[in-house]
Structure formats: C-alpha cells, structure tokens
Amino acid sequence: MNSSNYIPFNQVSRQIFVGLEAAYESGPLHISGDGPATKACEALLQAELQSGPVLLTTSCTSALEMAALLIRDAVGTGEVIVPSFTFVSTANAFLLHGFIPKFADVDPKTLNIDISEIKRLLTKDTKAVCVVHYAGVACDMSGIRSFCDQKGLFLVEDNAHGLFGKYQDQWLGTFGDFSTLSFHETKNFTTGEGGALVINNNDFVERSHILREKGTNRRRFKDGLVDKYTWVDIGSSWVMSDLLARLLLPQLKRHREITTRRRAIFDTYRSLLSPLEQQGLVQLPTIPSFAFHPGHLFYVILESHSTRSNFIEHLATHGINAVFHYQALNTSPMGLANGGREGDCPVTEALSERLVRLPVYIDLPDSAVSRIVDSCLTFFPNF
C-alpha cells in the first residue's frame, strides 16, 4: 500500500496551529499558566455548558485527582464505584488518594455504567460514583443523579469523551459535583495533553483554585484580595500552559462545526455498516433516545477475540489503522491487586476482547470513509 494512501487512526488537524506565529509576532506572549487564553477557554466553556467554574488542567487525569482530593478531604476515604470498561485514570486517580475502586460492569448496548450495577456495589463505605460517558454517549443521568442524592454520594463525571454531548437537553459534564474533560491528542478538541475540571458544587470552588496552584492562594492575590500569596494547603502544579490554551481556544469556538463533521462520519459508518449488524456479524453503537453524542469515536464489536485480531490485520493490509480499546480493569494486574476478580464484570471482559475502533477525525475525507467501509465489508466473504 502506497504510504500516501495510508489512513491513520487519528490525525490532528493542522488548523489548530493557525495563528500561533501571528500571536507571537504581535507582542509579548504569555505562555505559562493562567494567562489570557486560559481564562478565555474557561469562560467559553462555562458559558456554553452553563456549568459551574471551569479550570484548565495539565490533563484529565490531574482533574480527576483534584476531584478525588476534594472528596477525600470532605468525607474521608472509602469506596468509589467506577466502570471496569474505562481508561486506567478513572480508577487510578482515586486509588492514588486512598480510595478503593469498586469495578462496575457496563450495559451491553451502550457500554456505559448501569444504575443496577451501582446499586449492587453500594456499601456503607461508598463515598462516590464516577461515571464515564463512553464514546460521548450519555449514561442515564437522571437515575444516577437521583440515586447519588438519595444516598448522599458524590457524583463525578469522567467526561473525557463527551464534551458537547447531551443527556436530554442538558450538557454532559453538568450533572456531577465535579466533571473532568480531556484534551488529549485523540479527543475532539486537543492540546496534545491537557484537561479541565468543571466544579458544579459551589462548596469546592475556592479550594479547587488552591489545589491547582500548588497549594497557594495565588488566585486571591491576583484578584487583589490579599497583598501577597503564600502556601496555605496541599496542591500540585496542575495549571495548563497558556500556550496550549492558545491551541484550544480556536477549536472551542468552532465546536459546533467540529461536532457536526465528526457526527457525519459516525452516521456514515453507522448507515453503511448496518447490514452487517442486521445479519448478526457485528454489533454497532447504540444511541439511546435521551442522548446526543459528539461523534467522539465509532466502534465495531466482532464475534470473538481472534476475529477481532484478523479484522484489524485485514484493515492494515488495506492501509487502514484500526485499534482496540480498554481492557477490563477488574482483571488487570492492579485491578486484581485492589479487589477486582475475573468474572466480576462479564460484559466488560467479553467486549474488551472484541471491540475495534475505526478512524474518526475532522480532516478524514468522505472518500477515505468510503474506503474504510468497503474494506470492512470485504472482511466478510459471504456478505
């Protein structure tokens, strides 16, 4: 296959770099944290989402760590319910700060945590629930939010996939006491590495600023509330560089355009590959009526692990890079060392061996999407 015809799994749009050189040439450029671009991104996100304050961070992982620290110091350590089908950070951020992760299985259609699993895992030691909107498709948030309120549990949304997705008419990331965003290279909006913490519980706004600024009251100093800033609490260096925020801001301003393009790619895959699902050869994403997704990723679930391996190899021979996704956390070495057991999450354990993600990025041309679909179809010789 000619390298010029190669289709990568992900490709960052060169448009994100437009304007950086002009910004530098226009005068002194603030590139460390909490500068004008950082503040502009935070204000835009809060206004668009109609959420609580937004703080840009060095990663989604660091935002999750901040949430874990805030919960720990409010109610102490204990158990936190997390889906087994997620990236390691969802559990690791809590484990790092003294919590015990309890691994929940996911719904076989949406691949999201189900409220029945949350209820099954609830104990007197449960302090919080952390949900993940897999592929940007909303969990059933009304039921989960109500249950957490009823039981006095903190709710965290790991919204790494779901920025500008909705549950009914409400933006994802606005249901939890805290939610976290990712701007990793593979996400809809990217700074290479980066994230954000959305603080929807007003009791934690001030301390969130302190934690992010290395345990200092620097924000109060910048706001003119104290004559100098000093060390007042624990914290770490979790402020995103303003240089990265300059990459992010133009993308956020184009969020409707970016989301529309990604959804169009998703819809084309869904439509053209649906005959395979109708014949029982694959499982494709299910979108509940209450969910508006931002087209973060498109997956295909094959009948077995060996079929998946052959499918990925088949696409590779056609110059297409398709990849698998999460492995079940409850059966990972760290999961097993922290209370997980094989067989605890049968849906997750099965699907993690059979799921394949297809390329989705805004510069992926329609001709490439068609080629990917054709290559998927030719894998099934009797189709």
Protein backbone atom coordinates (compact mmCIF):
# COMPACT_ATOMS: atom_id res chain seq x y z
CA MET A 1 0.00 0.00 0.00
CA ASN A 2 1.38 3.40 -1.01
CA SER A 3 2.13 5.45 2.11
CA SER A 4 0.18 8.36 0.63
CA ASN A 5 -2.94 6.18 0.79
CA TYR A 6 -2.41 5.24 4.44
CA ILE A 7 -5.31 6.16 6.74
CA PRO A 8 -4.18 6.69 10.34
CA PHE A 9 -6.47 6.03 13.27
CA ASN A 10 -6.20 9.67 14.32
CA GLN A 11 -4.74 12.78 12.73
CA VAL A 12 -4.59 16.20 14.35
CA SER A 13 -5.85 18.97 12.10
CA ARG A 14 -3.12 21.41 11.07
CA GLN A 15 -5.68 24.17 11.58
CA ILE A 16 -5.06 24.09 15.33
CA PHE A 17 -1.66 25.73 14.80
CA VAL A 18 -3.02 28.62 12.73
CA GLY A 19 -2.47 31.92 14.48
CA LEU A 20 0.30 30.88 16.88
CA GLU A 21 3.05 32.61 14.91
CA ALA A 22 0.91 35.70 14.43
CA ALA A 23 0.21 35.80 18.17
CA TYR A 24 3.94 35.66 18.90
CA GLU A 25 4.76 38.43 16.43
CA SER A 26 2.03 40.71 17.80
CA GLY A 27 3.95 41.39 21.01
CA PRO A 28 4.90 39.82 24.35
CA LEU A 29 3.27 36.42 24.62
CA HIS A 30 2.13 34.89 27.92
CA ILE A 31 2.82 31.14 27.71
CA SER A 32 2.85 29.97 31.34
CA GLY A 33 -0.34 29.01 33.13
CA ASP A 34 -3.47 31.03 33.87
CA GLY A 35 -2.96 33.63 31.16
CA PRO A 36 -5.48 35.32 28.86
CA ALA A 37 -6.03 32.30 26.61
CA THR A 38 -6.59 30.06 29.64
CA LYS A 39 -9.18 32.44 31.05
CA ALA A 40 -10.89 32.78 27.66
CA CYS A 41 -11.20 28.99 27.28
CA GLU A 42 -12.55 28.63 30.81
CA ALA A 43 -15.08 31.41 30.32
CA LEU A 44 -16.21 30.00 26.97
CA LEU A 45 -16.69 26.50 28.37
CA GLN A 46 -18.60 27.72 31.41
CA ALA A 47 -20.87 29.90 29.27
CA GLU A 48 -21.52 27.25 26.63
CA LEU A 49 -22.12 24.44 29.11
CA GLN A 50 -23.98 26.66 31.59
CA SER A 51 -21.91 24.93 34.25
CA GLY A 52 -20.02 25.87 37.35
CA PRO A 53 -16.50 27.28 37.11
CA VAL A 54 -14.07 25.54 34.75
CA LEU A 55 -10.36 25.21 35.47
CA LEU A 56 -7.99 24.10 32.71
CA THR A 57 -5.54 21.46 33.92
CA THR A 58 -2.50 19.61 32.66
CA SER A 59 -4.60 16.51 31.92
CA CYS A 60 -7.94 14.84 32.54
CA THR A 61 -6.04 12.62 34.98
CA SER A 62 -4.96 15.62 37.06
CA ALA A 63 -8.55 16.90 37.06
CA LEU A 64 -9.69 13.52 38.38
CA GLU A 65 -7.01 13.67 41.06
CA MET A 66 -8.27 17.08 42.13
CA ALA A 67 -11.81 15.69 42.41
CA ALA A 68 -10.52 12.75 44.46
CA LEU A 69 -8.67 15.06 46.84
CA LEU A 70 -11.67 17.33 47.29
CA ILE A 71 -13.95 14.39 48.07
CA ARG A 72 -11.39 12.73 50.34
CA ASP A 73 -10.95 15.82 52.49
CA ALA A 74 -14.72 16.37 52.66
CA VAL A 75 -15.86 12.89 53.69
CA GLY A 76 -12.76 10.76 54.12
CA THR A 77 -11.59 7.79 52.10
CA GLY A 78 -13.71 4.78 51.29
CA GLU A 79 -15.01 3.10 48.16
CA VAL A 80 -15.67 4.71 44.81
CA ILE A 81 -17.72 2.91 42.16
CA VAL A 82 -16.16 3.11 38.68
CA PRO A 83 -16.83 1.25 35.43
CA SER A 84 -14.41 -1.53 34.64
CA PHE A 85 -14.56 -0.51 30.98
CA THR A 86 -12.62 2.75 31.10
CA PHE A 87 -9.12 4.19 30.97
CA VAL A 88 -6.93 3.48 33.98
CA SER A 89 -7.02 7.11 35.17
CA THR A 90 -10.67 6.82 36.18
CA ALA A 91 -9.72 4.35 38.91
CA ASN A 92 -6.07 5.27 39.46
CA ALA A 93 -6.78 8.90 40.40
CA PHE A 94 -8.94 7.73 43.29
CA LEU A 95 -6.70 4.83 44.30
CA LEU A 96 -3.73 7.20 44.47
CA HIS A 97 -5.53 9.24 47.13
CA GLY A 98 -6.67 6.42 49.36
CA PHE A 99 -9.92 5.21 47.83
CA ILE A 100 -10.79 1.61 46.99
CA PRO A 101 -12.17 1.23 43.45
CA LYS A 102 -15.23 -0.98 43.07
CA PHE A 103 -15.47 -2.13 39.46
CA ALA A 104 -18.91 -1.99 37.85
CA ASP A 105 -19.93 -3.82 34.71
CA VAL A 106 -21.45 -1.91 31.79
CA ASP A 107 -24.62 -2.12 29.77
CA PRO A 108 -24.01 -4.38 26.73
CA LYS A 109 -25.71 -1.92 24.37
CA THR A 110 -24.32 1.48 25.42
CA LEU A 111 -21.12 0.23 27.13
CA ASN A 112 -21.94 2.66 29.96
CA ILE A 113 -22.21 2.02 33.68
CA ASP A 114 -25.73 0.99 34.63
CA ILE A 115 -27.58 2.12 37.74
CA SER A 116 -28.35 -1.51 38.64
CA GLU A 117 -24.59 -2.09 38.97
CA ILE A 118 -24.20 0.99 41.14
CA LYS A 119 -26.94 -0.29 43.43
CA ARG A 120 -25.36 -3.77 43.54
CA LEU A 121 -21.97 -2.40 44.58
CA LEU A 122 -23.22 0.14 47.12
CA THR A 123 -21.98 -0.42 50.68
CA LYS A 124 -21.81 1.66 53.84
CA ASP A 125 -18.26 2.62 52.78
CA THR A 126 -19.22 4.02 49.36
CA LYS A 127 -18.29 7.70 49.09
CA ALA A 128 -18.67 8.45 45.40
CA VAL A 129 -19.69 7.22 41.98
CA CYS A 130 -17.62 8.08 38.89
CA VAL A 131 -19.40 7.58 35.58
CA VAL A 132 -17.88 7.58 32.10
CA HIS A 133 -19.88 8.62 29.05
CA TYR A 134 -18.31 6.07 26.72
CA ALA A 135 -17.86 7.34 23.15
CA GLY A 136 -19.60 10.53 24.28
CA VAL A 137 -22.92 8.70 24.64
CA ALA A 138 -24.67 9.76 27.83
CA CYS A 139 -25.23 7.49 30.79
CA ASP A 140 -28.79 7.56 32.18
CA MET A 141 -28.01 10.60 34.28
CA SER A 142 -31.38 11.36 35.85
CA GLY A 143 -31.49 7.99 37.58
CA ILE A 144 -27.84 8.09 38.62
CA ARG A 145 -28.01 11.68 39.90
CA SER A 146 -31.17 10.96 41.88
CA PHE A 147 -29.65 7.82 43.41
CA CYS A 148 -26.48 9.66 44.46
CA ASP A 149 -28.55 12.43 46.04
CA GLN A 150 -30.68 9.88 47.87
CA LYS A 151 -27.64 8.06 49.27
CA GLY A 152 -25.51 11.14 49.94
CA LEU A 153 -22.83 10.18 47.43
CA PHE A 154 -20.59 12.46 45.45
CA LEU A 155 -21.02 12.12 41.69
CA VAL A 156 -18.10 12.59 39.32
CA GLU A 157 -18.44 12.59 35.53
CA ASP A 158 -15.34 11.43 33.68
CA ASN A 159 -16.40 13.30 30.55
CA ALA A 160 -13.21 12.69 28.58
CA HIS A 161 -15.27 11.55 25.58
CA GLY A 162 -18.39 13.65 25.92
CA LEU A 163 -17.66 17.36 25.63
CA PHE A 164 -20.66 18.94 23.85
CA GLY A 165 -22.70 15.79 24.16
CA LYS A 166 -26.05 15.91 25.95
CA TYR A 167 -28.36 13.92 28.18
CA GLN A 168 -31.83 15.04 27.11
CA ASP A 169 -31.38 18.82 26.81
CA GLN A 170 -28.57 19.20 29.33
CA TRP A 171 -24.87 19.18 28.54
CA LEU A 172 -22.78 16.30 29.78
CA GLY A 173 -20.41 17.41 32.49
CA THR A 174 -23.04 19.46 34.32
CA PHE A 175 -24.67 16.67 36.35
CA GLY A 176 -21.83 15.71 38.65
CA ASP A 177 -20.48 17.58 41.65
CA PHE A 178 -17.34 17.51 39.53
CA SER A 179 -16.70 16.59 35.93
CA THR A 180 -13.47 16.23 34.03
CA LEU A 181 -12.56 16.89 30.41
CA SER A 182 -9.73 15.63 28.23
CA PHE A 183 -7.85 17.49 25.52
CA HIS A 184 -5.55 14.59 24.69
CA GLU A 185 -4.38 14.19 21.10
CA THR A 186 -7.17 11.71 20.28
CA LYS A 187 -10.03 13.86 21.61
CA ASN A 188 -12.44 16.07 19.66
CA PHE A 189 -10.62 19.17 20.91
CA THR A 190 -6.92 18.77 21.58
CA THR A 191 -3.84 20.41 23.02
CA GLY A 192 -1.80 17.20 22.79
CA GLU A 193 -2.09 16.77 26.55
CA GLY A 194 -4.48 18.70 28.74
CA GLY A 195 -7.78 18.63 30.56
CA ALA A 196 -10.21 20.57 32.73
CA LEU A 197 -12.12 20.31 35.97
CA VAL A 198 -15.72 21.53 35.99
CA ILE A 199 -16.86 22.40 39.51
CA ASN A 200 -20.65 22.20 39.80
CA ASN A 201 -20.66 22.08 43.61
CA ASN A 202 -20.06 25.63 44.85
CA ASP A 203 -18.64 24.41 48.16
CA PHE A 204 -15.41 23.41 46.40
CA VAL A 205 -14.66 26.30 44.06
CA GLU A 206 -12.17 28.18 46.23
CA ARG A 207 -10.22 25.10 47.29
CA SER A 208 -10.05 23.87 43.68
CA HIS A 209 -8.12 27.00 42.77
CA ILE A 210 -5.74 26.43 45.68
CA LEU A 211 -5.09 22.77 44.83
CA ARG A 212 -4.39 23.62 41.19
CA GLU A 213 -1.97 26.41 42.17
CA LYS A 214 0.40 24.24 44.20
CA GLY A 215 -1.48 24.82 47.46
CA THR A 216 -1.16 28.62 47.33
CA ASN A 217 -3.78 31.37 47.48
CA ARG A 218 -2.41 32.88 44.28
CA ARG A 219 -5.88 33.42 42.84
CA ARG A 220 -6.88 35.63 45.76
CA PHE A 221 -3.66 37.60 45.27
CA LYS A 222 -4.34 38.11 41.56
CA ASP A 223 -7.86 39.23 42.39
CA GLY A 224 -6.47 41.82 44.82
CA LEU A 225 -7.94 40.13 47.91
CA VAL A 226 -4.57 39.65 49.64
CA ASP A 227 -1.36 41.69 49.33
CA LYS A 228 0.83 38.64 48.72
CA TYR A 229 0.24 34.95 48.11
CA THR A 230 1.55 32.15 50.25
CA TRP A 231 1.38 28.41 50.88
CA VAL A 232 -1.94 27.58 52.57
CA ASP A 233 -2.81 23.97 51.64
CA ILE A 234 -1.69 20.90 49.76
CA GLY A 235 -1.70 21.05 45.98
CA SER A 236 0.28 20.48 42.84
CA SER A 237 1.23 22.11 39.55
CA TRP A 238 -1.96 21.39 37.64
CA VAL A 239 -2.38 24.59 35.61
CA MET A 240 -2.41 24.24 31.83
CA SER A 241 0.15 26.31 29.93
CA ASP A 242 -1.36 29.33 28.20
CA LEU A 243 0.48 28.24 25.05
CA LEU A 244 -1.66 25.09 24.97
CA ALA A 245 -4.77 27.13 25.72
CA ARG A 246 -3.99 29.18 22.61
CA LEU A 247 -4.24 25.95 20.61
CA LEU A 248 -7.52 25.07 22.30
CA LEU A 249 -9.42 28.34 22.10
CA PRO A 250 -10.00 28.45 18.31
CA GLN A 251 -11.21 24.84 18.40
CA LEU A 252 -13.71 25.56 21.15
CA LYS A 253 -15.03 28.49 19.16
CA ARG A 254 -15.65 26.04 16.29
CA HIS A 255 -17.19 23.34 18.46
CA ARG A 256 -20.45 23.16 16.50
CA GLU A 257 -18.61 22.75 13.20
CA ILE A 258 -16.23 20.14 14.62
CA THR A 259 -19.02 18.18 16.28
CA THR A 260 -21.14 18.26 13.11
CA ARG A 261 -18.30 16.84 10.99
CA ARG A 262 -17.48 14.06 13.43
CA ARG A 263 -21.16 13.12 13.73
CA ALA A 264 -21.40 12.99 9.93
CA ILE A 265 -18.54 10.47 9.81
CA PHE A 266 -20.18 8.47 12.60
CA ASP A 267 -23.53 8.47 10.79
CA THR A 268 -21.94 7.30 7.52
CA TYR A 269 -20.27 4.37 9.26
CA ARG A 270 -23.48 3.53 11.10
CA SER A 271 -25.59 3.60 7.93
CA LEU A 272 -23.27 1.72 5.58
CA LEU A 273 -22.23 -0.95 8.10
CA SER A 274 -25.74 -1.59 9.43
CA PRO A 275 -26.33 -4.55 7.05
CA LEU A 276 -23.53 -6.38 8.90
CA GLU A 277 -25.34 -5.82 12.17
CA GLN A 278 -28.65 -6.91 10.69
CA GLN A 279 -27.06 -10.22 9.73
CA GLY A 280 -25.61 -10.69 13.21
CA LEU A 281 -22.00 -10.35 12.09
CA VAL A 282 -21.12 -7.31 14.23
CA GLN A 283 -22.52 -5.06 16.93
CA LEU A 284 -22.53 -1.32 16.23
CA PRO A 285 -23.01 1.60 18.66
CA THR A 286 -26.44 2.05 20.22
CA ILE A 287 -27.56 5.63 20.85
CA PRO A 288 -30.41 5.92 23.38
CA SER A 289 -33.19 8.40 22.60
CA PHE A 290 -32.06 10.60 25.51
CA ALA A 291 -28.51 11.01 24.20
CA PHE A 292 -26.93 13.49 21.79
CA HIS A 293 -23.37 12.37 21.17
CA PRO A 294 -20.47 14.49 19.83
CA GLY A 295 -19.11 11.85 17.43
CA HIS A 296 -16.09 11.08 19.53
CA LEU A 297 -15.48 7.55 18.27
CA PHE A 298 -17.02 4.76 16.25
CA TYR A 299 -16.60 1.12 17.19
CA VAL A 300 -17.41 -2.33 15.84
CA ILE A 301 -17.74 -5.36 18.12
CA LEU A 302 -16.79 -8.68 16.48
CA GLU A 303 -17.82 -12.19 17.50
CA SER A 304 -14.53 -13.22 19.13
CA HIS A 305 -11.04 -12.10 20.07
CA SER A 306 -9.49 -13.98 17.16
CA THR A 307 -11.97 -12.44 14.72
CA ARG A 308 -11.03 -9.01 16.02
CA SER A 309 -7.34 -9.69 15.53
CA ASN A 310 -7.97 -10.87 11.98
CA PHE A 311 -10.21 -7.86 11.30
CA ILE A 312 -7.54 -5.38 12.45
CA GLU A 313 -4.92 -7.21 10.35
CA HIS A 314 -7.26 -7.20 7.33
CA LEU A 315 -7.74 -3.43 7.58
CA ALA A 316 -3.97 -2.95 8.00
CA THR A 317 -3.35 -4.76 4.71
CA HIS A 318 -5.67 -2.17 3.15
CA GLY A 319 -3.65 0.70 4.64
CA ILE A 320 -6.10 1.43 7.46
CA ASN A 321 -5.07 1.73 11.11
CA ALA A 322 -7.89 0.46 13.34
CA VAL A 323 -7.26 -0.14 17.04
CA PHE A 324 -8.80 -1.86 20.04
CA HIS A 325 -9.73 -0.03 23.24
CA TYR A 326 -9.93 -0.57 27.00
CA GLN A 327 -9.13 -3.84 28.68
CA ALA A 328 -11.23 -4.80 31.71
CA LEU A 329 -9.76 -3.05 34.76
CA ASN A 330 -11.05 -5.67 37.18
CA THR A 331 -8.79 -8.32 35.57
CA SER A 332 -5.72 -6.10 35.15
CA PRO A 333 -2.75 -6.67 37.49
CA MET A 334 -3.56 -3.55 39.52
CA GLY A 335 -7.27 -4.32 39.45
CA LEU A 336 -6.67 -7.81 40.80
CA ALA A 337 -4.40 -6.37 43.48
CA ASN A 338 -7.14 -3.98 44.57
CA GLY A 339 -10.20 -6.16 44.91
CA GLY A 340 -11.02 -6.99 41.32
CA ARG A 341 -11.72 -10.57 40.31
CA GLU A 342 -12.04 -12.34 36.99
CA GLY A 343 -15.69 -12.89 36.20
CA ASP A 344 -16.91 -9.87 38.20
CA CYS A 345 -17.70 -7.87 35.04
CA PRO A 346 -18.64 -10.41 32.34
CA VAL A 347 -19.91 -7.88 29.80
CA THR A 348 -16.76 -5.77 30.05
CA GLU A 349 -14.47 -8.80 29.98
CA ALA A 350 -16.12 -10.07 26.81
CA LEU A 351 -16.48 -6.85 24.85
CA SER A 352 -12.97 -5.60 25.65
CA GLU A 353 -11.64 -8.61 23.72
CA ARG A 354 -13.82 -7.96 20.67
CA LEU A 355 -14.11 -4.17 20.17
CA VAL A 356 -12.38 -2.29 17.33
CA ARG A 357 -12.34 1.48 16.78
CA LEU A 358 -12.35 2.91 13.26
CA PRO A 359 -10.65 6.19 12.28
CA VAL A 360 -12.59 9.37 13.11
CA TYR A 361 -11.10 12.86 12.74
CA ILE A 362 -12.39 16.05 11.15
CA ASP A 363 -9.96 16.03 8.20
CA LEU A 364 -10.90 12.46 7.25
CA PRO A 365 -12.30 12.85 3.72
CA ASP A 366 -15.51 11.18 2.59
CA SER A 367 -13.53 9.14 0.08
CA ALA A 368 -11.46 7.67 2.93
CA VAL A 369 -14.59 6.87 4.93
CA SER A 370 -15.95 5.01 1.90
CA ARG A 371 -12.71 3.09 1.53
CA ILE A 372 -12.77 2.10 5.20
CA VAL A 373 -16.37 0.89 4.89
CA ASP A 374 -15.56 -1.11 1.75
CA SER A 375 -12.59 -2.72 3.48
CA CYS A 376 -14.76 -3.64 6.48
CA LEU A 377 -17.33 -5.23 4.20
CA THR A 378 -14.77 -7.30 2.29
CA PHE A 379 -13.64 -8.91 5.54
CA PHE A 380 -16.84 -10.93 5.49
CA PRO A 381 -16.52 -13.14 2.37
CA ASN A 382 -20.12 -14.37 2.44
CA PHE A 383 -21.65 -10.95 2.99
